[in-house]
Amino acid sequence: MKRILVTGAGGFIGHHLCKYLKEIEECYVIGVDIKEPLFEDTAADFFILHDLRQPYLYGAELYDKLGKVDEIYHLAADMGGIGYITSKLADIAINNSLININIFKYAKEVGARILFSSSACVYCQSAQDRPNIRPLMECDAWPAMPEPGYGLEKLYAEELLSYLFNDHHLSVRIARFHNVYGPLGEYDGGREKAPAALCRKIARAKPGGTIEVWGDGKQTRSFMYIDDCVEGIHRLMASDFVLPMNLGRDEMISINELVHMISLIADKPVGIINDLTKPEGVRGRNSDNSLCRGVLDWEPPTTLMTGLKPTYEWIMRQVSG
């Protein structure tokens, strides 16, 4: 039976991935994270609480507990929404670098195929300087000018994996996520992404009331539903493709338009107060899925409207409960 390790299994994507793998593969899933899943029990066969910043050869003796695994979905990271990642540059860069190096060393030692969750934050900021930008192709990460902190450490980790592939023949897969959303994700507290934050604000607002939107709201993004994310990384893991690949929906929308879409789903009209003092990130970002379609013969199919409906309903229940 295939043994699969999911790092960050207590997080949003990792938790959904453990459930997905148990449903579609005959495998033994080991989850590891510094925290357990927030909203429901893990689907992993074995879950280890461990701080992955600590080397795996001591501390919780992670290596002894894991033994040899066949595949590693490496999702563990210190991350959050735009407010968090712009205010914690040093912490994010240090924490994620330590996590990545420890897991990469483990993958090399046991000879496991590893899939790394990178980010669209690696892309050159000068290619994202206006709302109506062209979709980002994988080559647009170079010449390098990623988002500070989170984006830079992701790009460095991608390069480190390429060195491990070339020097030690480590089997690597690299997925550049574009804004994943869905039920069971964080929706409050500062680490939530825009769709969850806006769903929360609208759920708490009175009909005809107003909500705050960071920036002028004209900044654009694309968003990928969680079910598409876990299917996409599973497909990429099964492929032979070793270079970075976009994993995102190529449906670009402004943040103000996103508010209106959620308000339609909620059947609750709300006004917008734009706060220009808050961070908004790059002006525009969208995923070019040409490579994903060509390699995987697939791309994320769930429209934003379709994915936002269960997301809003789940967040509304949390807020109301």
Foldseek 3Di string as FASTA:
>chain_A
DAEEEEEPCQADLNQVLLVVCVVPHPYQYEYEYCDHHDPDHGSHPHYYNDQLLDACCDDVVNCVVRPAGAEYEYDDAPAFAPQVCVVCQPVRLSSRLSNLVRVVVVCLVRLHEYEYEAAPQLFALVQQAAQPGDADDPVRSPPDDGDGRRNVSSVVSQVVVVCCCVPVVRHYHYEHEFAEAAPSHDQDDGRYYLLSVLLLQQLPDAFAEADEDEAPQQAKGFYAYSVQVSVLVVLRSPFRDHHYAYATDQDMDTSVVSNVLSCVLVVGDYHYDYDDVGDDPGRYHGHDHPVVCVGRVDHRDDDPSRRSNNRSVNSSVVSVD
